[in-house]
Amino acid sequence: QLEALDEAQLDYKGLTADRDRLVAFLADMATAA
């Protein structure tokens, strides 16, 4: 159970990291436009 929870947390952190990169990318595009 603990292992499954850790994997879920890692997946969540990975998703938030991807979202943060996407947000930063869009912000760069907006300021460059």
N, C-alpha and C. Protein backbone atom coordinates (compact mmCIF):
# COMPACT_ATOMS: atom_id res chain seq x y z
N GLN A 1 0.84 -1.20 0.00
CA GLN A 1 0.00 0.00 0.00
C GLN A 1 0.88 1.26 0.00
N LEU A 2 1.92 1.22 0.81
CA LEU A 2 2.81 2.38 0.86
C LEU A 2 3.51 2.59 -0.48
N GLU A 3 3.90 1.49 -1.11
CA GLU A 3 4.58 1.61 -2.41
C GLU A 3 3.65 2.23 -3.44
N ALA A 4 2.39 1.81 -3.44
CA ALA A 4 1.42 2.35 -4.40
C ALA A 4 1.23 3.85 -4.14
N LEU A 5 1.20 4.23 -2.88
CA LEU A 5 1.02 5.64 -2.54
C LEU A 5 2.22 6.45 -3.04
N ASP A 6 3.42 5.92 -2.83
CA ASP A 6 4.62 6.62 -3.28
C ASP A 6 4.59 6.80 -4.79
N GLU A 7 4.18 5.75 -5.50
CA GLU A 7 4.13 5.85 -6.96
C GLU A 7 3.12 6.90 -7.39
N ALA A 8 1.98 6.95 -6.71
CA ALA A 8 0.95 7.94 -7.04
C ALA A 8 1.48 9.34 -6.78
N GLN A 9 2.22 9.51 -5.70
CA GLN A 9 2.77 10.83 -5.38
C GLN A 9 3.81 11.24 -6.42
N LEU A 10 4.63 10.27 -6.86
CA LEU A 10 5.63 10.58 -7.87
C LEU A 10 4.96 10.95 -9.18
N ASP A 11 3.90 10.23 -9.55
CA ASP A 11 3.16 10.55 -10.77
C ASP A 11 2.60 11.96 -10.67
N TYR A 12 2.04 12.30 -9.52
CA TYR A 12 1.44 13.62 -9.32
C TYR A 12 2.50 14.71 -9.44
N LYS A 13 3.66 14.48 -8.82
CA LYS A 13 4.74 15.46 -8.89
C LYS A 13 5.22 15.62 -10.33
N GLY A 14 5.25 14.51 -11.06
CA GLY A 14 5.66 14.58 -12.46
C GLY A 14 4.67 15.40 -13.27
N LEU A 15 3.39 15.20 -12.99
CA LEU A 15 2.36 15.94 -13.73
C LEU A 15 2.44 17.43 -13.40
N THR A 16 2.66 17.77 -12.14
CA THR A 16 2.72 19.18 -11.78
C THR A 16 3.98 19.82 -12.37
N ALA A 17 5.06 19.05 -12.45
CA ALA A 17 6.29 19.57 -13.05
C ALA A 17 6.05 19.86 -14.53
N ASP A 18 5.36 18.94 -15.22
CA ASP A 18 5.05 19.16 -16.63
C ASP A 18 4.16 20.39 -16.79
N ARG A 19 3.18 20.54 -15.91
CA ARG A 19 2.28 21.69 -15.99
C ARG A 19 3.05 22.98 -15.75
N ASP A 20 3.96 22.98 -14.77
CA ASP A 20 4.74 24.17 -14.49
C ASP A 20 5.59 24.55 -15.70
N ARG A 21 6.17 23.53 -16.38
CA ARG A 21 6.97 23.82 -17.57
C ARG A 21 6.09 24.41 -18.66
N LEU A 22 4.88 23.87 -18.82
CA LEU A 22 3.96 24.36 -19.84
C LEU A 22 3.55 25.80 -19.54
N VAL A 23 3.25 26.08 -18.29
CA VAL A 23 2.86 27.44 -17.89
C VAL A 23 4.01 28.41 -18.15
N ALA A 24 5.23 28.01 -17.81
CA ALA A 24 6.38 28.87 -18.04
C ALA A 24 6.59 29.09 -19.53
N PHE A 25 6.39 28.05 -20.33
CA PHE A 25 6.55 28.15 -21.79
C PHE A 25 5.52 29.12 -22.35
N LEU A 26 4.28 28.99 -21.93
CA LEU A 26 3.22 29.88 -22.42
C LEU A 26 3.50 31.32 -21.98
N ALA A 27 4.02 31.50 -20.78
CA ALA A 27 4.34 32.84 -20.30
C ALA A 27 5.44 33.45 -21.15
N ASP A 28 6.44 32.65 -21.52
CA ASP A 28 7.52 33.15 -22.38
C ASP A 28 6.96 33.54 -23.74
N MET A 29 6.06 32.73 -24.28
CA MET A 29 5.46 33.03 -25.58
C MET A 29 4.66 34.33 -25.50
N ALA A 30 3.94 34.53 -24.41
CA ALA A 30 3.10 35.72 -24.25
C ALA A 30 3.96 36.97 -24.17
N THR A 31 5.08 36.91 -23.46
CA THR A 31 5.93 38.09 -23.32
C THR A 31 6.70 38.35 -24.61
N ALA A 32 6.97 37.29 -25.39
CA ALA A 32 7.72 37.45 -26.63
C ALA A 32 6.81 37.99 -27.74
N ALA A 33 5.51 37.75 -27.63
CA ALA A 33 4.58 38.15 -28.69
C ALA A 33 4.42 39.67 -28.72
